[in-house]
Structures are given as structure tokens and as C-alpha cells.
Amino acid sequence: MHDHANRNGGPRSLRQVRIVGSDVDRDAIATARNGRYAESAFTHAPASIRDRYFPLQDAISTATPELRGISSFEHGDMLDWSLPVARKVNLIVCRNVVIYFTRTTQEALFSRFHDLLPPGGFLV
């Protein structure tokens, strides 16, 4: 998203980019907030992205201050329907979790995602 905003809208668009991550696993949230990952965490990421946003030093890739400045991470359960929908988002990346839910839960989750996405938003 950051690169897309930079290419298509320049610095003004970059001020509007915010990355919000959530997970039910508090350890995953702590790791994300720390912004430090083993080199092996990027085996499937293009080197250009890793090098730009997570430069490697002493076998540890650390999120750049620029990336950390636009990122926040929250503990939360996507199935907790009591949580209010606080804002619209342009992109939802939901990976490797939906396959474990029942069809009914999947449908409810996708309905919630629909409510979060504005027209033209993306679910990946």
C-alpha cells in the first residue's frame, strides 16, 4: 500500500496510509509491535520489499522507522462481534485462518469484512 500510494499520489497520499494489524495471539502482537524478525520470516517476500522496509542486520530484519510510524497492532478476535466497527479500511488481508471456520462463521466474517470495506476496497 505504501509503495502504491507513493507512486500514485506522492507524499500527500503517504500521510493517509495507516497499517493496522490485529491478532488473537498476544505473542504475535508483541512480535509485530517489536518489529524485529528472523531473516527466515522473509523467505517468500521479494528482496526489494524486505530491504526497503525490513533491512537486515546481524541476521535480524527490523522494521524501518518510516514503516513503524504508520503501523499499529491491536489484540482482537475477528469473531468477537461485540467489538465496534470503528472505521472503514481499504484493504483487508486475512490469511490462513478462514479455512478453519465453519461455513456459517465464514459467511458472517465475510459480511463483517464487507461492512468494513468501502466501495472499491480489497479483500485478500
Protein backbone atom coordinates (compact mmCIF):
# COMPACT_ATOMS: atom_id res chain seq x y z
CA MET A 1 0.00 0.00 0.00
CA HIS A 2 2.79 2.37 0.91
CA ASP A 3 4.53 1.92 -2.44
CA HIS A 4 1.24 2.24 -4.31
CA ALA A 5 0.39 5.50 -2.53
CA ASN A 6 3.88 6.84 -3.18
CA ARG A 7 3.73 6.02 -6.90
CA ASN A 8 0.19 7.25 -7.44
CA GLY A 9 -0.28 10.13 -5.06
CA GLY A 10 3.11 11.15 -3.80
CA PRO A 11 3.94 12.43 -0.33
CA ARG A 12 0.43 13.77 0.27
CA SER A 13 -1.07 10.31 -0.17
CA LEU A 14 1.56 8.77 2.07
CA ARG A 15 0.27 10.80 5.01
CA GLN A 16 -3.04 8.95 4.64
CA VAL A 17 -1.56 5.43 4.75
CA ARG A 18 -2.12 3.58 8.01
CA ILE A 19 -1.47 -0.09 8.61
CA VAL A 20 -3.44 -1.73 11.40
CA GLY A 21 -2.82 -5.34 12.32
CA SER A 22 -4.82 -7.47 14.70
CA ASP A 23 -4.50 -10.96 16.06
CA VAL A 24 -5.97 -13.05 18.84
CA ASP A 25 -2.44 -14.21 19.74
CA ARG A 26 -0.86 -11.71 22.13
CA ASP A 27 2.64 -13.02 21.33
CA ALA A 28 2.09 -12.31 17.63
CA ILE A 29 1.01 -8.76 18.50
CA ALA A 30 4.08 -8.28 20.71
CA THR A 31 6.33 -9.50 17.88
CA ALA A 32 4.67 -7.17 15.39
CA ARG A 33 4.95 -4.21 17.74
CA ASN A 34 8.62 -5.01 18.29
CA GLY A 35 9.15 -5.04 14.51
CA ARG A 36 12.07 -7.47 14.62
CA TYR A 37 12.03 -10.73 12.68
CA ALA A 38 14.42 -13.54 11.85
CA GLU A 39 15.72 -13.44 8.29
CA SER A 40 13.76 -16.64 7.62
CA ALA A 41 10.47 -14.76 8.07
CA PHE A 42 11.03 -13.18 4.66
CA THR A 43 11.77 -16.26 2.55
CA HIS A 44 8.69 -15.64 0.39
CA ALA A 45 8.93 -11.85 0.25
CA PRO A 46 10.67 -10.04 -2.60
CA ALA A 47 14.14 -8.94 -1.54
CA SER A 48 13.38 -5.38 -2.67
CA ILE A 49 10.47 -5.13 -0.20
CA ARG A 50 12.41 -6.73 2.63
CA ASP A 51 15.43 -4.50 2.02
CA ARG A 52 13.33 -1.34 1.86
CA TYR A 53 11.07 -1.90 4.87
CA PHE A 54 12.93 -4.52 6.96
CA PRO A 55 16.68 -4.06 6.44
CA LEU A 56 18.78 -6.96 7.64
CA GLN A 57 21.44 -6.50 10.29
CA ASP A 58 23.08 -9.33 12.25
CA ALA A 59 20.54 -11.87 10.89
CA ILE A 60 17.60 -9.78 12.18
CA SER A 61 15.26 -7.81 9.92
CA THR A 62 13.91 -4.72 11.66
CA ALA A 63 11.02 -2.56 10.51
CA THR A 64 12.15 0.89 9.42
CA PRO A 65 11.10 3.94 11.45
CA GLU A 66 9.01 5.01 8.44
CA LEU A 67 7.03 1.75 8.50
CA ARG A 68 6.72 1.73 12.27
CA GLY A 69 5.38 5.27 12.16
CA ILE A 70 2.37 4.27 10.07
CA SER A 71 1.72 0.89 11.74
CA SER A 72 -0.18 -0.14 14.84
CA PHE A 73 -1.13 -3.54 16.19
CA GLU A 74 -4.11 -4.45 18.33
CA HIS A 75 -5.12 -7.58 20.19
CA GLY A 76 -8.51 -8.69 18.97
CA ASP A 77 -10.60 -11.60 17.84
CA MET A 78 -12.15 -11.15 14.42
CA LEU A 79 -15.05 -13.30 15.61
CA ASP A 80 -15.86 -11.04 18.55
CA TRP A 81 -18.97 -9.42 17.12
CA SER A 82 -19.31 -7.12 20.15
CA LEU A 83 -16.30 -5.11 19.00
CA PRO A 84 -17.47 -1.97 17.22
CA VAL A 85 -16.51 -1.33 13.63
CA ALA A 86 -14.51 1.83 14.23
CA ARG A 87 -13.52 2.75 10.70
CA LYS A 88 -13.58 1.83 7.06
CA VAL A 89 -10.46 0.23 5.66
CA ASN A 90 -9.30 -0.01 2.05
CA LEU A 91 -7.58 -3.39 2.30
CA ILE A 92 -8.16 -6.44 4.47
CA VAL A 93 -5.57 -9.20 4.36
CA CYS A 94 -6.93 -12.29 6.04
CA ARG A 95 -4.62 -15.23 5.61
CA ASN A 96 -4.66 -18.88 6.62
CA VAL A 97 -7.45 -18.63 9.16
CA VAL A 98 -10.79 -18.67 7.36
CA ILE A 99 -10.33 -22.29 6.26
CA TYR A 100 -10.66 -23.39 9.89
CA PHE A 101 -14.12 -21.84 10.36
CA THR A 102 -17.50 -23.35 9.63
CA ARG A 103 -19.33 -22.17 6.54
CA THR A 104 -21.74 -20.16 8.72
CA THR A 105 -18.86 -18.43 10.52
CA GLN A 106 -17.12 -17.73 7.20
CA GLU A 107 -20.27 -16.09 5.84
CA ALA A 108 -20.65 -13.95 8.96
CA LEU A 109 -16.98 -12.96 8.80
CA PHE A 110 -17.17 -12.00 5.14
CA SER A 111 -20.28 -9.96 5.88
CA ARG A 112 -18.30 -8.10 8.56
CA PHE A 113 -15.46 -7.55 6.11
CA HIS A 114 -17.99 -6.18 3.63
CA ASP A 115 -19.13 -3.66 6.25
CA LEU A 116 -15.53 -2.59 6.85
CA LEU A 117 -14.63 -2.09 3.18
CA PRO A 118 -15.74 0.96 1.20
CA PRO A 119 -16.71 0.58 -2.47
CA GLY A 120 -13.51 -0.31 -4.30
CA GLY A 121 -11.89 -1.80 -1.18
CA PHE A 122 -9.97 -5.08 -1.37
CA LEU A 123 -10.11 -8.37 0.50
CA VAL A 124 -7.01 -10.52 0.01
